[in-house]
Amino acid sequence: MGLQAELQAKIGKAFDEKLSDAVASLTLSQKAVTFNPVDNTTSEVVTNIATRGVVGDYALEELNDTSVKPTDVKITVLQNELSVEPKIDDIVNDGVNNYKIINIKKDPAKVIWKLQCRR
């Protein structure tokens, strides 16, 4: 088992066990706009992808970064549990709130997505 697979398995197990009370069911919504040149119209298709993750606040020292607002949330999602790559402006819903993705980071091992989201 490679390092990436091992990390994914361990973090997935932590999501199932030790972190289970902090893990939320999430839905990632991605929009795709298509253009029909025959009748000069566009149509929008929204795809919803179910996943899970941890929704948390930013630490005080992270708020010193001018791109992070006090109301922003950090959502951590396992890459192997999300069937698509998240994009800026996608919407993440935790069953209560809709959050717009404004920044995306992944760890060097490519195990988790860190999504900076705004209400």
Protein backbone atom coordinates (compact mmCIF):
# COMPACT_ATOMS: atom_id res chain seq x y z
CA MET A 1 0.00 0.00 0.00
CA GLY A 2 1.44 3.39 -1.00
CA LEU A 3 1.63 6.39 1.29
CA GLN A 4 -1.34 8.13 -0.32
CA ALA A 5 -3.58 5.06 -0.01
CA GLU A 6 -2.44 4.54 3.58
CA LEU A 7 -3.22 8.15 4.52
CA GLN A 8 -6.62 7.98 2.80
CA ALA A 9 -7.46 4.79 4.69
CA LYS A 10 -6.38 6.25 8.06
CA ILE A 11 -8.20 9.55 7.61
CA GLY A 12 -11.28 7.72 6.32
CA LYS A 13 -11.19 5.51 9.41
CA ALA A 14 -10.86 8.62 11.61
CA PHE A 15 -13.90 10.12 9.83
CA ASP A 16 -15.80 6.90 10.63
CA GLU A 17 -14.68 6.62 14.25
CA LYS A 18 -12.87 9.34 16.23
CA LEU A 19 -14.13 12.27 14.18
CA SER A 20 -17.58 10.88 13.46
CA ASP A 21 -19.31 13.50 15.61
CA ALA A 22 -17.65 16.30 13.59
CA VAL A 23 -18.18 14.79 10.13
CA ALA A 24 -21.13 16.17 8.17
CA SER A 25 -22.94 14.85 5.13
CA LEU A 26 -22.30 17.32 2.33
CA THR A 27 -23.55 17.95 -1.18
CA LEU A 28 -21.31 19.61 -3.75
CA SER A 29 -23.24 21.33 -6.54
CA GLN A 30 -21.50 22.09 -9.82
CA LYS A 31 -23.07 24.09 -12.64
CA ALA A 32 -22.35 23.52 -16.30
CA VAL A 33 -23.61 25.92 -18.95
CA THR A 34 -24.05 24.71 -22.51
CA PHE A 35 -24.67 26.80 -25.58
CA ASN A 36 -26.94 25.69 -28.41
CA PRO A 37 -25.85 27.51 -31.57
CA VAL A 38 -28.91 26.37 -33.53
CA ASP A 39 -31.36 28.44 -31.50
CA ASN A 40 -28.80 30.72 -29.80
CA THR A 41 -29.73 29.65 -26.25
CA THR A 42 -27.88 28.53 -23.20
CA SER A 43 -28.95 25.97 -20.64
CA GLU A 44 -27.66 25.31 -17.20
CA VAL A 45 -27.28 21.84 -15.70
CA VAL A 46 -26.58 21.40 -11.99
CA THR A 47 -24.90 18.20 -10.84
CA ASN A 48 -25.11 17.28 -7.15
CA ILE A 49 -22.44 15.03 -5.67
CA ALA A 50 -22.84 13.55 -2.19
CA THR A 51 -19.78 13.39 0.06
CA ARG A 52 -18.81 14.03 3.65
CA GLY A 53 -16.38 16.28 5.43
CA VAL A 54 -15.58 18.45 8.40
CA VAL A 55 -16.86 22.03 8.49
CA GLY A 56 -14.85 24.32 10.75
CA ASP A 57 -13.88 27.89 11.46
CA TYR A 58 -10.55 29.50 10.70
CA ALA A 59 -8.04 29.97 13.51
CA LEU A 60 -7.49 33.53 14.71
CA GLU A 61 -4.02 33.73 13.14
CA GLU A 62 -5.48 32.66 9.77
CA LEU A 63 -7.86 35.63 9.90
CA ASN A 64 -4.86 37.97 9.58
CA ASP A 65 -4.78 36.96 5.92
CA THR A 66 -6.87 39.62 4.16
CA SER A 67 -8.47 37.00 1.90
CA VAL A 68 -10.08 35.20 4.86
CA LYS A 69 -13.15 36.82 6.41
CA PRO A 70 -14.27 36.02 9.97
CA THR A 71 -17.44 34.39 8.62
CA ASP A 72 -15.58 32.08 6.19
CA VAL A 73 -15.54 28.36 6.92
CA LYS A 74 -12.95 25.72 6.12
CA ILE A 75 -14.35 22.45 4.78
CA THR A 76 -12.07 19.41 4.71
CA VAL A 77 -13.06 16.62 2.32
CA LEU A 78 -11.26 13.39 1.43
CA GLN A 79 -10.26 13.45 -2.24
CA ASN A 80 -11.02 9.76 -2.73
CA GLU A 81 -14.60 10.30 -1.46
CA LEU A 82 -15.39 13.09 -3.92
CA SER A 83 -15.89 11.89 -7.47
CA VAL A 84 -15.15 15.28 -9.06
CA GLU A 85 -12.60 18.02 -8.51
CA PRO A 86 -14.19 20.99 -6.71
CA LYS A 87 -14.10 24.33 -8.52
CA ILE A 88 -14.27 27.97 -7.50
CA ASP A 89 -17.93 29.08 -7.26
CA ASP A 90 -19.23 25.55 -6.64
CA ILE A 91 -21.73 25.35 -3.79
CA VAL A 92 -21.35 23.07 -0.77
CA ASN A 93 -24.45 22.37 1.32
CA ASP A 94 -24.24 20.84 4.79
CA GLY A 95 -27.99 20.32 5.13
CA VAL A 96 -28.45 23.76 6.73
CA ASN A 97 -26.22 26.25 4.92
CA ASN A 98 -25.05 26.84 1.37
CA TYR A 99 -21.39 27.79 1.09
CA LYS A 100 -19.71 29.14 -2.05
CA ILE A 101 -16.19 27.85 -2.67
CA ILE A 102 -13.80 30.78 -3.01
CA ASN A 103 -10.44 29.01 -2.61
CA ILE A 104 -9.25 25.42 -2.99
CA LYS A 105 -6.12 23.79 -1.63
CA LYS A 106 -4.98 20.21 -1.50
CA ASP A 107 -2.35 18.72 0.71
CA PRO A 108 0.98 17.59 -0.82
CA ALA A 109 -0.01 13.93 -0.55
CA LYS A 110 -3.23 14.63 -2.50
CA VAL A 111 -5.40 13.11 0.21
CA ILE A 112 -7.69 15.98 1.25
CA TRP A 113 -9.26 19.07 -0.25
CA LYS A 114 -9.27 22.20 1.91
CA LEU A 115 -12.11 24.39 0.72
CA GLN A 116 -12.39 28.01 1.82
CA CYS A 117 -16.08 28.75 1.65
CA ARG A 118 -18.25 31.79 2.18
CA ARG A 119 -21.95 32.08 2.94
